[in-house]
Structure formats: C-alpha cells, structure tokens
C-alpha cells in the first residue's frame, strides 16, 4: 500500500435520528447520522402502513368490487345462454 493516499480508519458511531439507536463500528468518519435504521424502519419491524393519499386505496377497492360484480354477471349470462 502506498503511504499517504488512504483515508484514516477510525471508530465511528452511527446514530438514528428517529429512534435514537446507536451502533458502534469503524469508518472513515467519526460520526454518521441516519434517518431510519433497522430498529425503526417499517419493513424490518413489520409495522408497515398503507399511506392513503386522497382516498386512492378506497377508490381502487371500489373499482375492483365493481369489476368483480360485472364479471360475475357475465358468467351468469353465459351459463344461462348455454343452458337454453
């Protein structure tokens, strides 16, 4: 290794600004701050929420229910036509 071209490898603390979790490790900077960590991120905690903006989830569910209703009616008409 060439001397003088490598960064200093120091002890570092990673701090989560959301939950306050502190992790001690080594890095080239002494302090790292993150917004989310594995202790508070919804994917890892299993507390994932659906953010409903302007009722989009409700609108989707209504369209889906209407589509299923139309498909059931079409199947009934098809069965009735084959029986007759």
Protein backbone atom coordinates (compact mmCIF):
# COMPACT_ATOMS: atom_id res chain seq x y z
CA UNK A 1 0.00 0.00 0.00
CA UNK A 2 1.24 3.46 -0.78
CA UNK A 3 1.63 5.69 2.26
CA UNK A 4 -0.41 8.89 2.48
CA UNK A 5 -3.19 8.03 -0.01
CA UNK A 6 -5.54 6.06 2.24
CA UNK A 7 -8.16 7.71 4.47
CA UNK A 8 -7.98 7.37 8.25
CA UNK A 9 -10.00 4.40 9.52
CA UNK A 10 -11.42 5.42 12.92
CA UNK A 11 -14.00 4.22 15.41
CA UNK A 12 -17.40 5.57 14.40
CA UNK A 13 -20.88 5.82 15.88
CA UNK A 14 -23.98 5.54 13.73
CA UNK A 15 -26.96 7.33 15.31
CA UNK A 16 -30.57 7.01 14.17
CA UNK A 17 -32.37 10.33 14.41
CA UNK A 18 -35.81 8.66 14.55
CA UNK A 19 -35.41 6.22 17.43
CA UNK A 20 -32.02 7.15 18.89
CA UNK A 21 -30.37 3.77 18.34
CA UNK A 22 -26.56 3.96 18.45
CA UNK A 23 -24.29 1.46 16.66
CA UNK A 24 -20.52 1.45 17.16
CA UNK A 25 -18.39 0.48 14.17
CA UNK A 26 -15.38 1.63 12.15
CA UNK A 27 -15.49 4.05 9.24
CA UNK A 28 -13.60 6.93 7.68
CA UNK A 29 -15.75 9.50 9.52
CA UNK A 30 -16.19 9.57 13.30
CA UNK A 31 -19.98 10.13 13.34
CA UNK A 32 -22.77 9.10 10.96
CA UNK A 33 -26.43 10.13 11.35
CA UNK A 34 -29.23 8.25 9.60
CA UNK A 35 -32.96 8.99 9.36
CA UNK A 36 -34.13 5.37 9.69
CA UNK A 37 -32.44 2.22 10.93
CA UNK A 38 -33.38 -1.45 11.09
CA UNK A 39 -34.87 -0.92 14.57
CA UNK A 40 -37.47 1.63 13.41
CA UNK A 41 -37.91 1.04 9.64
CA UNK A 42 -41.41 -0.31 8.86
CA UNK A 43 -40.09 -3.04 6.56
CA UNK A 44 -37.96 -4.59 9.30
CA UNK A 45 -40.38 -4.04 12.21
CA UNK A 46 -43.40 -5.48 10.37
CA UNK A 47 -45.48 -2.39 11.11
CA UNK A 48 -45.86 -1.33 7.52
CA UNK A 49 -48.72 1.06 6.86
CA UNK A 50 -50.53 1.98 3.67
CA UNK A 51 -50.44 5.73 3.29
CA UNK A 52 -53.77 6.65 1.74
CA UNK A 53 -53.44 9.88 -0.19
CA UNK A 54 -56.79 11.35 -1.24
CA UNK A 55 -58.63 8.06 -0.76
CA UNK A 56 -56.78 6.24 -3.54
CA UNK A 57 -56.94 2.88 -1.78
CA UNK A 58 -60.71 3.22 -1.31
CA UNK A 59 -61.16 4.21 -4.96
CA UNK A 60 -59.13 1.19 -6.07
CA UNK A 61 -61.17 -1.16 -3.87
CA UNK A 62 -64.42 0.28 -5.27
CA UNK A 63 -63.24 -0.18 -8.87
CA UNK A 64 -62.16 -3.74 -8.07
CA UNK A 65 -65.52 -4.59 -6.49
CA UNK A 66 -67.39 -3.13 -9.47
CA UNK A 67 -65.22 -5.13 -11.88
CA UNK A 68 -65.85 -8.36 -9.97
CA UNK A 69 -69.59 -7.65 -9.99
CA UNK A 70 -69.57 -7.19 -13.77
CA UNK A 71 -67.55 -10.41 -14.23
CA UNK A 72 -69.99 -12.40 -12.08
CA UNK A 73 -72.95 -11.05 -14.06
CA UNK A 74 -71.24 -12.00 -17.34
CA UNK A 75 -70.64 -15.54 -16.08
CA UNK A 76 -74.31 -15.86 -15.07
CA UNK A 77 -75.44 -14.69 -18.53
CA UNK A 78 -73.04 -17.13 -20.16
CA UNK A 79 -74.34 -20.04 -18.06
CA UNK A 80 -77.93 -19.08 -18.80
CA UNK A 81 -77.18 -18.94 -22.54
CA UNK A 82 -75.56 -22.37 -22.53
CA UNK A 83 -78.49 -23.94 -20.64
CA UNK A 84 -81.10 -22.55 -23.00
